[in-house]
N, C-alpha and C. Protein backbone atom coordinates (compact mmCIF):
# COMPACT_ATOMS: atom_id res chain seq x y z
N UNK A 1 23.44 38.76 -42.92
CA UNK A 1 22.05 38.83 -42.47
C UNK A 1 21.71 37.63 -41.58
N UNK A 2 22.11 36.43 -42.09
CA UNK A 2 21.84 35.22 -41.31
C UNK A 2 22.55 35.28 -39.98
N UNK A 3 23.83 35.77 -39.97
CA UNK A 3 24.57 35.82 -38.72
C UNK A 3 23.90 36.71 -37.70
N UNK A 4 23.39 37.83 -38.15
CA UNK A 4 22.72 38.75 -37.25
C UNK A 4 21.48 38.12 -36.64
N UNK A 5 20.73 37.36 -37.49
CA UNK A 5 19.54 36.68 -36.99
C UNK A 5 19.91 35.63 -35.96
N UNK A 6 21.02 34.89 -36.20
CA UNK A 6 21.44 33.85 -35.25
C UNK A 6 21.80 34.46 -33.90
N UNK A 7 22.56 35.55 -33.96
CA UNK A 7 22.94 36.19 -32.70
C UNK A 7 21.70 36.68 -31.97
N UNK A 8 20.78 37.26 -32.71
CA UNK A 8 19.56 37.77 -32.11
C UNK A 8 18.76 36.64 -31.47
N UNK A 9 18.68 35.52 -32.15
CA UNK A 9 17.93 34.38 -31.64
C UNK A 9 18.56 33.85 -30.35
N UNK A 10 19.90 33.75 -30.37
CA UNK A 10 20.59 33.27 -29.18
C UNK A 10 20.40 34.25 -28.02
N UNK A 11 20.41 35.52 -28.33
CA UNK A 11 20.22 36.51 -27.28
C UNK A 11 18.85 36.40 -26.64
N UNK A 12 17.83 36.19 -27.49
CA UNK A 12 16.47 36.07 -26.97
C UNK A 12 16.36 34.84 -26.07
N UNK A 13 16.90 33.70 -26.53
CA UNK A 13 16.82 32.46 -25.75
C UNK A 13 17.56 32.60 -24.43
N UNK A 14 18.78 33.18 -24.51
CA UNK A 14 19.56 33.35 -23.28
C UNK A 14 18.87 34.27 -22.30
N UNK A 15 18.32 35.37 -22.81
CA UNK A 15 17.62 36.29 -21.92
C UNK A 15 16.41 35.65 -21.28
N UNK A 16 15.69 34.84 -22.06
CA UNK A 16 14.51 34.17 -21.51
C UNK A 16 14.88 33.19 -20.42
N UNK A 17 15.96 32.43 -20.63
CA UNK A 17 16.39 31.46 -19.63
C UNK A 17 16.79 32.16 -18.34
N UNK A 18 17.47 33.30 -18.47
CA UNK A 18 17.89 34.05 -17.28
C UNK A 18 16.68 34.55 -16.51
N UNK A 19 15.67 34.99 -17.25
CA UNK A 19 14.47 35.51 -16.60
C UNK A 19 13.75 34.40 -15.83
N UNK A 20 13.67 33.21 -16.46
CA UNK A 20 13.01 32.08 -15.79
C UNK A 20 13.76 31.71 -14.53
N UNK A 21 15.09 31.66 -14.61
CA UNK A 21 15.90 31.30 -13.44
C UNK A 21 15.70 32.30 -12.31
N UNK A 22 15.66 33.57 -12.66
CA UNK A 22 15.49 34.61 -11.65
C UNK A 22 14.12 34.51 -11.00
N UNK A 23 13.11 34.18 -11.83
CA UNK A 23 11.76 34.08 -11.29
C UNK A 23 11.60 32.90 -10.35
N UNK A 24 12.42 31.87 -10.54
CA UNK A 24 12.31 30.67 -9.71
C UNK A 24 12.93 30.83 -8.35
N UNK A 25 13.63 31.89 -8.09
CA UNK A 25 14.26 32.09 -6.78
C UNK A 25 13.25 32.69 -5.82
N UNK A 26 13.01 31.98 -4.69
CA UNK A 26 12.03 32.46 -3.72
C UNK A 26 12.57 33.63 -2.94
N UNK A 27 11.70 34.22 -2.11
CA UNK A 27 12.10 35.39 -1.33
C UNK A 27 13.26 35.09 -0.40
N UNK A 28 13.13 33.97 0.40
CA UNK A 28 14.20 33.64 1.35
C UNK A 28 15.48 33.29 0.64
N UNK A 29 15.37 32.49 -0.45
CA UNK A 29 16.56 32.08 -1.18
C UNK A 29 17.24 33.27 -1.83
N UNK A 30 16.43 34.24 -2.31
CA UNK A 30 16.99 35.41 -2.97
C UNK A 30 17.81 36.23 -1.98
N UNK A 31 17.45 36.16 -0.70
CA UNK A 31 18.17 36.89 0.33
C UNK A 31 19.28 36.06 0.95
N UNK A 32 19.53 34.87 0.36
CA UNK A 32 20.58 34.01 0.87
C UNK A 32 20.19 33.21 2.09
N UNK A 33 18.89 33.11 2.40
CA UNK A 33 18.44 32.35 3.56
C UNK A 33 17.89 30.99 3.11
N UNK A 34 18.07 29.99 3.93
CA UNK A 34 17.53 28.67 3.60
C UNK A 34 16.07 28.61 4.01
N UNK A 35 15.22 27.88 3.25
CA UNK A 35 13.80 27.78 3.60
C UNK A 35 13.61 27.00 4.90
N UNK A 36 12.51 27.29 5.57
CA UNK A 36 12.21 26.60 6.81
C UNK A 36 11.97 25.11 6.53
N UNK A 37 12.44 24.21 7.41
CA UNK A 37 12.21 22.78 7.21
C UNK A 37 10.73 22.45 7.38
N UNK A 38 10.32 21.34 6.76
CA UNK A 38 8.93 20.92 6.89
C UNK A 38 8.64 20.57 8.34
N UNK A 39 7.42 20.83 8.76
CA UNK A 39 7.00 20.49 10.12
C UNK A 39 6.85 18.97 10.22
N UNK A 40 7.51 18.36 11.19
CA UNK A 40 7.44 16.92 11.38
C UNK A 40 6.55 16.61 12.57
N UNK A 41 5.77 15.56 12.45
CA UNK A 41 4.88 15.16 13.53
C UNK A 41 5.25 13.77 14.03
N UNK A 42 5.16 13.56 15.33
CA UNK A 42 5.46 12.22 15.87
C UNK A 42 4.26 11.30 15.70
N UNK A 43 4.53 10.04 15.45
CA UNK A 43 3.47 9.03 15.39
C UNK A 43 4.06 7.71 15.88
N UNK A 44 3.32 7.05 16.73
CA UNK A 44 3.74 5.76 17.26
C UNK A 44 2.67 4.72 16.94
N UNK A 45 3.08 3.56 16.52
CA UNK A 45 2.17 2.48 16.19
C UNK A 45 2.89 1.16 16.38
N UNK A 46 2.16 0.09 16.29
CA UNK A 46 2.75 -1.24 16.34
C UNK A 46 2.69 -1.84 14.93
N UNK A 47 3.85 -2.17 14.39
CA UNK A 47 3.91 -2.71 13.03
C UNK A 47 4.48 -4.12 13.09
N UNK A 48 3.68 -5.06 12.67
CA UNK A 48 4.08 -6.48 12.69
C UNK A 48 4.56 -6.92 14.07
N UNK A 49 3.82 -6.43 15.09
CA UNK A 49 4.12 -6.82 16.46
C UNK A 49 5.24 -6.05 17.12
N UNK A 50 5.80 -5.08 16.41
CA UNK A 50 6.93 -4.32 16.97
C UNK A 50 6.54 -2.85 17.11
N UNK A 51 6.70 -2.27 18.29
CA UNK A 51 6.38 -0.84 18.45
C UNK A 51 7.39 0.03 17.69
N UNK A 52 6.89 1.01 16.97
CA UNK A 52 7.76 1.92 16.23
C UNK A 52 7.31 3.34 16.49
N UNK A 53 8.27 4.25 16.47
CA UNK A 53 7.99 5.68 16.62
C UNK A 53 8.69 6.42 15.49
N UNK A 54 7.95 7.32 14.84
CA UNK A 54 8.47 8.06 13.70
C UNK A 54 8.21 9.55 13.89
N UNK A 55 9.01 10.36 13.24
CA UNK A 55 8.73 11.78 13.08
C UNK A 55 8.69 12.03 11.58
N UNK A 56 7.51 12.32 11.08
CA UNK A 56 7.32 12.39 9.64
C UNK A 56 6.50 13.60 9.24
N UNK A 57 6.63 13.94 7.97
CA UNK A 57 5.79 14.97 7.37
C UNK A 57 4.34 14.51 7.51
N UNK A 58 3.45 15.36 8.01
CA UNK A 58 2.05 14.93 8.20
C UNK A 58 1.35 14.53 6.91
N UNK A 59 1.94 14.86 5.77
CA UNK A 59 1.34 14.47 4.49
C UNK A 59 1.76 13.08 4.04
N UNK A 60 2.61 12.41 4.80
CA UNK A 60 3.12 11.10 4.43
C UNK A 60 2.04 10.04 4.54
N UNK A 61 1.84 9.28 3.48
CA UNK A 61 0.85 8.21 3.53
C UNK A 61 1.38 7.06 4.37
N UNK A 62 0.47 6.22 4.83
CA UNK A 62 0.89 5.03 5.58
C UNK A 62 1.78 4.16 4.71
N UNK A 63 1.46 4.06 3.42
CA UNK A 63 2.27 3.25 2.51
C UNK A 63 3.70 3.76 2.44
N UNK A 64 3.87 5.07 2.30
CA UNK A 64 5.22 5.63 2.22
C UNK A 64 5.96 5.50 3.55
N UNK A 65 5.23 5.61 4.65
CA UNK A 65 5.87 5.43 5.95
C UNK A 65 6.41 4.01 6.08
N UNK A 66 5.62 3.05 5.63
CA UNK A 66 6.05 1.66 5.71
C UNK A 66 7.24 1.39 4.79
N UNK A 67 7.14 1.88 3.56
CA UNK A 67 8.17 1.57 2.57
C UNK A 67 9.43 2.40 2.76
N UNK A 68 9.27 3.70 2.92
CA UNK A 68 10.43 4.60 2.91
C UNK A 68 11.07 4.76 4.29
N UNK A 69 10.25 4.75 5.34
CA UNK A 69 10.79 4.99 6.67
C UNK A 69 11.11 3.69 7.42
N UNK A 70 10.25 2.67 7.25
CA UNK A 70 10.47 1.41 7.96
C UNK A 70 11.07 0.33 7.06
N UNK A 71 11.25 0.64 5.78
CA UNK A 71 11.87 -0.27 4.82
C UNK A 71 11.11 -1.60 4.70
N UNK A 72 9.80 -1.57 4.89
CA UNK A 72 8.94 -2.73 4.67
C UNK A 72 8.36 -2.60 3.27
N UNK A 73 9.08 -3.13 2.30
CA UNK A 73 8.74 -2.90 0.89
C UNK A 73 7.83 -3.97 0.30
N UNK A 74 7.32 -4.86 1.16
CA UNK A 74 6.40 -5.88 0.65
C UNK A 74 5.12 -5.26 0.11
N UNK A 75 4.59 -4.27 0.81
CA UNK A 75 3.40 -3.55 0.32
C UNK A 75 3.81 -2.71 -0.88
N UNK A 76 3.10 -2.89 -1.98
CA UNK A 76 3.52 -2.27 -3.24
C UNK A 76 2.74 -0.99 -3.54
N UNK A 77 3.42 -0.10 -4.23
CA UNK A 77 2.77 1.12 -4.72
C UNK A 77 2.38 0.86 -6.17
N UNK A 78 1.08 0.72 -6.39
CA UNK A 78 0.58 0.45 -7.73
C UNK A 78 0.07 1.72 -8.37
N UNK A 79 -1.24 1.98 -8.18
CA UNK A 79 -1.85 3.16 -8.79
C UNK A 79 -1.66 4.40 -7.92
N UNK A 80 -1.45 4.22 -6.61
CA UNK A 80 -1.35 5.32 -5.65
C UNK A 80 -2.64 6.13 -5.57
N UNK A 81 -3.75 5.53 -6.01
CA UNK A 81 -5.05 6.20 -5.96
C UNK A 81 -6.12 5.31 -5.33
N UNK A 82 -5.72 4.21 -4.69
CA UNK A 82 -6.69 3.35 -4.03
C UNK A 82 -7.54 2.52 -4.96
N UNK A 83 -7.07 2.31 -6.19
CA UNK A 83 -7.90 1.60 -7.16
C UNK A 83 -7.40 0.20 -7.49
N UNK A 84 -6.17 -0.15 -7.09
CA UNK A 84 -5.64 -1.46 -7.51
C UNK A 84 -5.47 -2.44 -6.35
N UNK A 85 -5.35 -1.96 -5.13
CA UNK A 85 -5.24 -2.85 -3.98
C UNK A 85 -3.85 -3.40 -3.71
N UNK A 86 -2.85 -3.02 -4.50
CA UNK A 86 -1.50 -3.55 -4.29
C UNK A 86 -0.92 -3.15 -2.95
N UNK A 87 -1.42 -2.07 -2.36
CA UNK A 87 -0.88 -1.55 -1.10
C UNK A 87 -1.66 -2.00 0.12
N UNK A 88 -2.56 -2.97 -0.04
CA UNK A 88 -3.43 -3.38 1.06
C UNK A 88 -2.63 -3.90 2.26
N UNK A 89 -2.96 -3.38 3.43
CA UNK A 89 -2.40 -3.88 4.70
C UNK A 89 -3.57 -4.05 5.66
N UNK A 90 -3.28 -4.65 6.81
CA UNK A 90 -4.30 -4.84 7.83
C UNK A 90 -4.05 -3.88 8.98
N UNK A 91 -5.06 -3.14 9.37
CA UNK A 91 -4.97 -2.23 10.52
C UNK A 91 -6.03 -2.67 11.52
N UNK A 92 -5.57 -3.16 12.67
CA UNK A 92 -6.51 -3.69 13.64
C UNK A 92 -7.26 -4.88 13.09
N UNK A 93 -6.64 -5.60 12.16
CA UNK A 93 -7.28 -6.77 11.56
C UNK A 93 -8.14 -6.47 10.36
N UNK A 94 -8.36 -5.19 10.07
CA UNK A 94 -9.19 -4.81 8.92
C UNK A 94 -8.32 -4.32 7.79
N UNK A 95 -8.67 -4.66 6.58
CA UNK A 95 -7.86 -4.30 5.41
C UNK A 95 -8.14 -2.87 4.97
N UNK A 96 -7.09 -2.18 4.60
CA UNK A 96 -7.23 -0.82 4.09
C UNK A 96 -6.24 -0.62 2.96
N UNK A 97 -6.51 0.37 2.12
CA UNK A 97 -5.56 0.80 1.11
C UNK A 97 -4.62 1.80 1.77
N UNK A 98 -3.39 1.37 1.99
CA UNK A 98 -2.47 2.22 2.76
C UNK A 98 -2.03 3.46 1.99
N UNK A 99 -2.23 3.49 0.67
CA UNK A 99 -1.85 4.69 -0.09
C UNK A 99 -2.84 5.83 0.13
N UNK A 100 -4.03 5.51 0.63
CA UNK A 100 -5.06 6.54 0.82
C UNK A 100 -5.16 7.01 2.26
N UNK A 101 -4.33 6.45 3.14
CA UNK A 101 -4.43 6.77 4.56
C UNK A 101 -3.14 7.44 5.03
N UNK A 102 -3.28 8.55 5.75
CA UNK A 102 -2.11 9.23 6.28
C UNK A 102 -1.55 8.47 7.48
N UNK A 103 -0.24 8.40 7.55
CA UNK A 103 0.40 7.67 8.65
C UNK A 103 0.01 8.24 10.01
N UNK A 104 -0.10 9.58 10.10
CA UNK A 104 -0.39 10.21 11.39
C UNK A 104 -1.80 9.88 11.89
N UNK A 105 -2.63 9.31 11.03
CA UNK A 105 -3.97 8.92 11.44
C UNK A 105 -3.95 7.61 12.23
N UNK A 106 -2.81 6.95 12.27
CA UNK A 106 -2.75 5.61 12.85
C UNK A 106 -1.98 5.57 14.17
N UNK A 107 -2.02 6.67 14.89
CA UNK A 107 -1.42 6.71 16.22
C UNK A 107 -2.00 5.59 17.09
N UNK A 108 -1.13 4.73 17.60
CA UNK A 108 -1.58 3.66 18.49
C UNK A 108 -2.16 2.45 17.81
N UNK A 109 -2.26 2.47 16.50
CA UNK A 109 -2.86 1.35 15.78
C UNK A 109 -1.90 0.17 15.63
N UNK A 110 -2.48 -0.99 15.38
CA UNK A 110 -1.70 -2.20 15.10
C UNK A 110 -1.77 -2.47 13.60
N UNK A 111 -0.64 -2.38 12.95
CA UNK A 111 -0.57 -2.53 11.49
C UNK A 111 0.15 -3.84 11.17
N UNK A 112 -0.43 -4.60 10.25
CA UNK A 112 0.20 -5.85 9.80
C UNK A 112 0.39 -5.79 8.30
N UNK A 113 1.62 -5.97 7.85
CA UNK A 113 1.93 -6.02 6.44
C UNK A 113 2.20 -7.47 6.05
N UNK A 114 2.48 -7.70 4.80
CA UNK A 114 2.75 -9.06 4.33
C UNK A 114 3.93 -9.66 5.09
N UNK A 115 4.89 -8.82 5.49
CA UNK A 115 6.04 -9.32 6.23
C UNK A 115 5.66 -9.85 7.61
N UNK A 116 4.53 -9.38 8.14
CA UNK A 116 4.11 -9.77 9.47
C UNK A 116 3.16 -10.95 9.51
N UNK A 117 2.71 -11.42 8.34
CA UNK A 117 1.78 -12.54 8.32
C UNK A 117 2.48 -13.87 8.53
N UNK A 118 3.64 -14.02 7.93
CA UNK A 118 4.37 -15.27 8.04
C UNK A 118 5.81 -15.09 7.62
N UNK A 119 6.57 -16.15 7.75
CA UNK A 119 7.98 -16.13 7.36
C UNK A 119 8.22 -17.23 6.33
N UNK A 120 9.34 -17.19 5.62
CA UNK A 120 9.64 -18.27 4.67
C UNK A 120 9.66 -19.64 5.33
N UNK A 121 10.05 -19.67 6.61
CA UNK A 121 10.11 -20.94 7.34
C UNK A 121 8.73 -21.36 7.85
N UNK A 122 7.87 -20.40 8.12
CA UNK A 122 6.54 -20.70 8.65
C UNK A 122 5.53 -19.77 7.98
N UNK A 123 5.02 -20.21 6.85
CA UNK A 123 4.10 -19.40 6.07
C UNK A 123 2.74 -19.31 6.76
N UNK A 124 2.09 -18.18 6.59
CA UNK A 124 0.68 -18.05 6.97
C UNK A 124 -0.12 -19.01 6.08
N UNK A 125 -1.20 -19.60 6.58
CA UNK A 125 -2.00 -20.52 5.75
C UNK A 125 -2.40 -19.94 4.40
N UNK A 126 -2.68 -18.62 4.36
CA UNK A 126 -3.06 -18.02 3.08
C UNK A 126 -1.86 -17.95 2.14
N UNK A 127 -0.69 -17.64 2.68
CA UNK A 127 0.51 -17.63 1.85
C UNK A 127 0.78 -19.02 1.28
N UNK A 128 0.66 -20.04 2.12
CA UNK A 128 0.89 -21.41 1.67
C UNK A 128 -0.12 -21.81 0.60
N UNK A 129 -1.38 -21.39 0.77
CA UNK A 129 -2.41 -21.73 -0.22
C UNK A 129 -2.15 -21.02 -1.55
N UNK A 130 -1.66 -19.79 -1.50
CA UNK A 130 -1.33 -19.08 -2.74
C UNK A 130 -0.22 -19.82 -3.48
N UNK A 131 0.77 -20.32 -2.76
CA UNK A 131 1.84 -21.08 -3.41
C UNK A 131 1.28 -22.37 -3.99
N UNK A 132 0.48 -23.09 -3.23
CA UNK A 132 -0.07 -24.37 -3.67
C UNK A 132 -0.91 -24.24 -4.92
N UNK A 133 -1.71 -23.16 -4.99
CA UNK A 133 -2.65 -23.01 -6.11
C UNK A 133 -2.13 -22.09 -7.21
N UNK A 134 -0.83 -21.74 -7.17
CA UNK A 134 -0.25 -20.84 -8.18
C UNK A 134 -1.09 -19.58 -8.33
N UNK A 135 -1.43 -18.96 -7.19
CA UNK A 135 -2.32 -17.80 -7.20
C UNK A 135 -1.56 -16.51 -7.46
N UNK A 136 -0.54 -16.57 -8.25
CA UNK A 136 0.24 -15.39 -8.61
C UNK A 136 1.02 -15.71 -9.88
N UNK A 137 1.43 -14.65 -10.59
CA UNK A 137 2.31 -14.83 -11.74
C UNK A 137 3.50 -13.90 -11.61
N UNK A 138 3.30 -12.61 -11.92
CA UNK A 138 4.43 -11.68 -11.76
C UNK A 138 4.70 -11.42 -10.28
N UNK A 139 3.67 -11.54 -9.42
CA UNK A 139 3.84 -11.39 -7.99
C UNK A 139 3.72 -9.98 -7.45
N UNK A 140 3.57 -8.99 -8.33
CA UNK A 140 3.56 -7.61 -7.84
C UNK A 140 2.36 -7.33 -6.95
N UNK A 141 1.20 -7.83 -7.34
CA UNK A 141 -0.01 -7.57 -6.56
C UNK A 141 -0.19 -8.55 -5.41
N UNK A 142 0.64 -9.61 -5.36
CA UNK A 142 0.42 -10.72 -4.44
C UNK A 142 0.38 -10.31 -2.97
N UNK A 143 1.31 -9.45 -2.46
CA UNK A 143 1.21 -9.06 -1.04
C UNK A 143 -0.14 -8.43 -0.70
N UNK A 144 -0.61 -7.55 -1.55
CA UNK A 144 -1.91 -6.92 -1.31
C UNK A 144 -3.05 -7.92 -1.43
N UNK A 145 -2.94 -8.84 -2.39
CA UNK A 145 -3.97 -9.87 -2.56
C UNK A 145 -4.07 -10.74 -1.31
N UNK A 146 -2.92 -11.15 -0.78
CA UNK A 146 -2.91 -12.02 0.40
C UNK A 146 -3.46 -11.29 1.62
N UNK A 147 -3.01 -10.06 1.85
CA UNK A 147 -3.53 -9.30 2.99
C UNK A 147 -5.03 -9.09 2.86
N UNK A 148 -5.47 -8.79 1.65
CA UNK A 148 -6.91 -8.58 1.44
C UNK A 148 -7.68 -9.88 1.64
N UNK A 149 -7.12 -11.00 1.15
CA UNK A 149 -7.79 -12.29 1.30
C UNK A 149 -7.94 -12.66 2.78
N UNK A 150 -6.90 -12.41 3.57
CA UNK A 150 -6.98 -12.67 5.01
C UNK A 150 -8.06 -11.79 5.63
N UNK A 151 -8.09 -10.52 5.23
CA UNK A 151 -9.10 -9.61 5.76
C UNK A 151 -10.51 -10.01 5.37
N UNK A 152 -10.67 -10.47 4.13
CA UNK A 152 -12.00 -10.88 3.65
C UNK A 152 -12.54 -12.04 4.48
N UNK A 153 -11.71 -13.06 4.71
CA UNK A 153 -12.19 -14.21 5.48
C UNK A 153 -12.50 -13.81 6.91
N UNK A 154 -11.76 -12.84 7.46
CA UNK A 154 -12.07 -12.36 8.80
C UNK A 154 -13.41 -11.63 8.81
N UNK A 155 -13.65 -10.84 7.77
CA UNK A 155 -14.91 -10.11 7.66
C UNK A 155 -16.09 -11.09 7.60
N UNK A 156 -15.93 -12.13 6.81
CA UNK A 156 -17.01 -13.10 6.66
C UNK A 156 -17.19 -13.87 7.96
N UNK A 157 -16.08 -14.26 8.59
CA UNK A 157 -16.16 -15.00 9.84
C UNK A 157 -16.83 -14.18 10.93
N UNK A 158 -16.61 -12.86 10.90
CA UNK A 158 -17.21 -12.00 11.92
C UNK A 158 -18.73 -11.99 11.84
N UNK A 159 -19.26 -12.36 10.67
CA UNK A 159 -20.71 -12.39 10.50
C UNK A 159 -21.32 -13.73 10.84
N UNK A 160 -20.49 -14.71 11.22
CA UNK A 160 -21.00 -16.04 11.58
C UNK A 160 -21.48 -16.03 13.02
N UNK A 161 -22.70 -16.47 13.31
CA UNK A 161 -23.20 -16.50 14.69
C UNK A 161 -22.25 -17.29 15.60
N UNK A 162 -22.07 -16.81 16.82
CA UNK A 162 -21.09 -17.41 17.72
C UNK A 162 -21.43 -18.86 18.05
N UNK A 163 -22.71 -19.25 18.03
CA UNK A 163 -23.08 -20.60 18.44
C UNK A 163 -22.69 -21.65 17.40
N UNK A 164 -22.32 -21.21 16.18
CA UNK A 164 -21.88 -22.17 15.18
C UNK A 164 -20.43 -21.95 14.79
N UNK A 165 -19.82 -20.90 15.33
CA UNK A 165 -18.47 -20.55 14.91
C UNK A 165 -17.46 -21.65 15.23
N UNK A 166 -17.72 -22.46 16.25
CA UNK A 166 -16.76 -23.48 16.62
C UNK A 166 -16.97 -24.81 15.94
N UNK A 167 -18.03 -24.96 15.17
CA UNK A 167 -18.34 -26.23 14.53
C UNK A 167 -18.22 -26.10 13.02
N UNK A 168 -17.18 -26.70 12.45
CA UNK A 168 -16.95 -26.56 11.01
C UNK A 168 -18.07 -27.16 10.19
N UNK A 169 -18.70 -28.22 10.70
CA UNK A 169 -19.77 -28.87 9.93
C UNK A 169 -21.00 -27.98 9.82
N UNK A 170 -21.25 -27.17 10.88
CA UNK A 170 -22.43 -26.30 10.87
C UNK A 170 -22.14 -24.92 10.30
N UNK A 171 -20.85 -24.58 10.17
CA UNK A 171 -20.50 -23.25 9.71
C UNK A 171 -20.89 -23.10 8.23
N UNK A 172 -21.56 -22.01 7.85
CA UNK A 172 -21.95 -21.84 6.45
C UNK A 172 -20.74 -21.69 5.54
N UNK A 173 -20.83 -22.30 4.38
CA UNK A 173 -19.75 -22.22 3.42
C UNK A 173 -19.65 -20.81 2.84
N UNK A 174 -18.43 -20.38 2.61
CA UNK A 174 -18.22 -19.06 1.99
C UNK A 174 -18.40 -19.23 0.50
N UNK A 175 -19.31 -18.48 -0.08
CA UNK A 175 -19.59 -18.64 -1.50
C UNK A 175 -18.49 -18.00 -2.35
N UNK A 176 -18.25 -18.59 -3.50
CA UNK A 176 -17.26 -18.05 -4.43
C UNK A 176 -17.66 -16.65 -4.87
N UNK A 177 -18.94 -16.46 -5.11
CA UNK A 177 -19.40 -15.14 -5.55
C UNK A 177 -19.14 -14.07 -4.50
N UNK A 178 -19.33 -14.42 -3.24
CA UNK A 178 -19.10 -13.44 -2.18
C UNK A 178 -17.62 -13.09 -2.09
N UNK A 179 -16.76 -14.10 -2.20
CA UNK A 179 -15.33 -13.84 -2.14
C UNK A 179 -14.90 -12.97 -3.32
N UNK A 180 -15.41 -13.28 -4.49
CA UNK A 180 -15.06 -12.49 -5.68
C UNK A 180 -15.49 -11.04 -5.52
N UNK A 181 -16.69 -10.85 -5.00
CA UNK A 181 -17.20 -9.49 -4.81
C UNK A 181 -16.35 -8.72 -3.81
N UNK A 182 -16.01 -9.35 -2.70
CA UNK A 182 -15.23 -8.67 -1.66
C UNK A 182 -13.79 -8.41 -2.11
N UNK A 183 -13.28 -9.24 -3.03
CA UNK A 183 -11.91 -9.08 -3.51
C UNK A 183 -11.83 -8.21 -4.77
N UNK A 184 -12.94 -7.63 -5.19
CA UNK A 184 -12.98 -6.90 -6.46
C UNK A 184 -12.09 -5.66 -6.45
N UNK A 185 -11.71 -5.17 -5.29
CA UNK A 185 -10.84 -4.00 -5.23
C UNK A 185 -9.38 -4.32 -5.42
N UNK A 186 -9.04 -5.59 -5.54
CA UNK A 186 -7.66 -6.01 -5.76
C UNK A 186 -7.49 -6.51 -7.18
N UNK A 187 -6.73 -5.75 -7.96
CA UNK A 187 -6.56 -6.07 -9.37
C UNK A 187 -5.32 -6.94 -9.59
N UNK A 188 -5.48 -7.98 -10.39
CA UNK A 188 -4.35 -8.82 -10.82
C UNK A 188 -4.28 -8.71 -12.34
N UNK A 189 -3.31 -7.97 -12.82
CA UNK A 189 -3.22 -7.76 -14.26
C UNK A 189 -2.76 -9.01 -15.00
N UNK A 190 -2.23 -9.99 -14.25
CA UNK A 190 -1.87 -11.27 -14.87
C UNK A 190 -3.08 -12.19 -15.02
N UNK A 191 -4.16 -11.88 -14.30
CA UNK A 191 -5.40 -12.65 -14.43
C UNK A 191 -5.44 -13.94 -13.64
N UNK A 192 -4.83 -13.97 -12.45
CA UNK A 192 -4.80 -15.20 -11.64
C UNK A 192 -6.00 -15.29 -10.70
N UNK A 193 -7.11 -14.69 -11.08
CA UNK A 193 -8.26 -14.59 -10.18
C UNK A 193 -8.80 -15.95 -9.75
N UNK A 194 -8.96 -16.89 -10.67
CA UNK A 194 -9.53 -18.18 -10.32
C UNK A 194 -8.63 -18.92 -9.33
N UNK A 195 -7.32 -18.79 -9.48
CA UNK A 195 -6.39 -19.44 -8.56
C UNK A 195 -6.44 -18.79 -7.18
N UNK A 196 -6.62 -17.47 -7.17
CA UNK A 196 -6.74 -16.75 -5.89
C UNK A 196 -7.98 -17.23 -5.14
N UNK A 197 -9.09 -17.38 -5.85
CA UNK A 197 -10.32 -17.86 -5.22
C UNK A 197 -10.14 -19.29 -4.73
N UNK A 198 -9.43 -20.12 -5.51
CA UNK A 198 -9.17 -21.50 -5.06
C UNK A 198 -8.39 -21.50 -3.75
N UNK A 199 -7.38 -20.63 -3.65
CA UNK A 199 -6.58 -20.54 -2.43
C UNK A 199 -7.43 -20.09 -1.26
N UNK A 200 -8.27 -19.08 -1.47
CA UNK A 200 -9.13 -18.58 -0.41
C UNK A 200 -10.13 -19.63 0.03
N UNK A 201 -10.67 -20.38 -0.95
CA UNK A 201 -11.65 -21.41 -0.63
C UNK A 201 -11.03 -22.48 0.26
N UNK A 202 -9.79 -22.87 -0.06
CA UNK A 202 -9.14 -23.89 0.76
C UNK A 202 -8.93 -23.40 2.19
N UNK A 203 -8.48 -22.16 2.33
CA UNK A 203 -8.23 -21.63 3.68
C UNK A 203 -9.55 -21.46 4.44
N UNK A 204 -10.60 -21.07 3.75
CA UNK A 204 -11.89 -20.86 4.43
C UNK A 204 -12.47 -22.16 4.98
N UNK A 205 -12.06 -23.29 4.41
CA UNK A 205 -12.59 -24.59 4.85
C UNK A 205 -11.62 -25.35 5.74
N UNK A 206 -10.45 -24.76 5.99
CA UNK A 206 -9.44 -25.46 6.79
C UNK A 206 -9.69 -25.26 8.28
């Protein structure tokens, strides 16, 4: 009796697996034809001062284009939903979450990633300030934090009247509260926020 039940059970499972496999075969594949390739679109932009041209799936995010196609892995994929800021890059000098932007939307744009801000031999002032003030721990969010910090100071500087922009003594100080508010989209799970603000404060006064 038990043997008959075992055989029956195996038969049911095997038949079910075969049915699932058959159902998974598409029309073209069932006829022995290969599916049509994805439509690729051309996009040209300037990345870290270098012109690049790609042919990519139009659904490719700017972050994936940078990481997977151009091998610029400094920009990190964190939440992939625009909530953590780890993927922040500068486009035309303005910071954006590259995971939320399609690469094909940036035809002709100038994109700067963490790799384009400075080099180990010649750090960007913000990179040097992050090192000086220990504004990182695990370092995963650091590229996005630095790009965002550079963008924030540019945003604030853009609001300074031109007649005082050249005089450091007359230029209004950037408040800690304003920097914190503008940087709120960049999450540091290690909690290095106070050090990040210290680094930004030093650069803003330099």
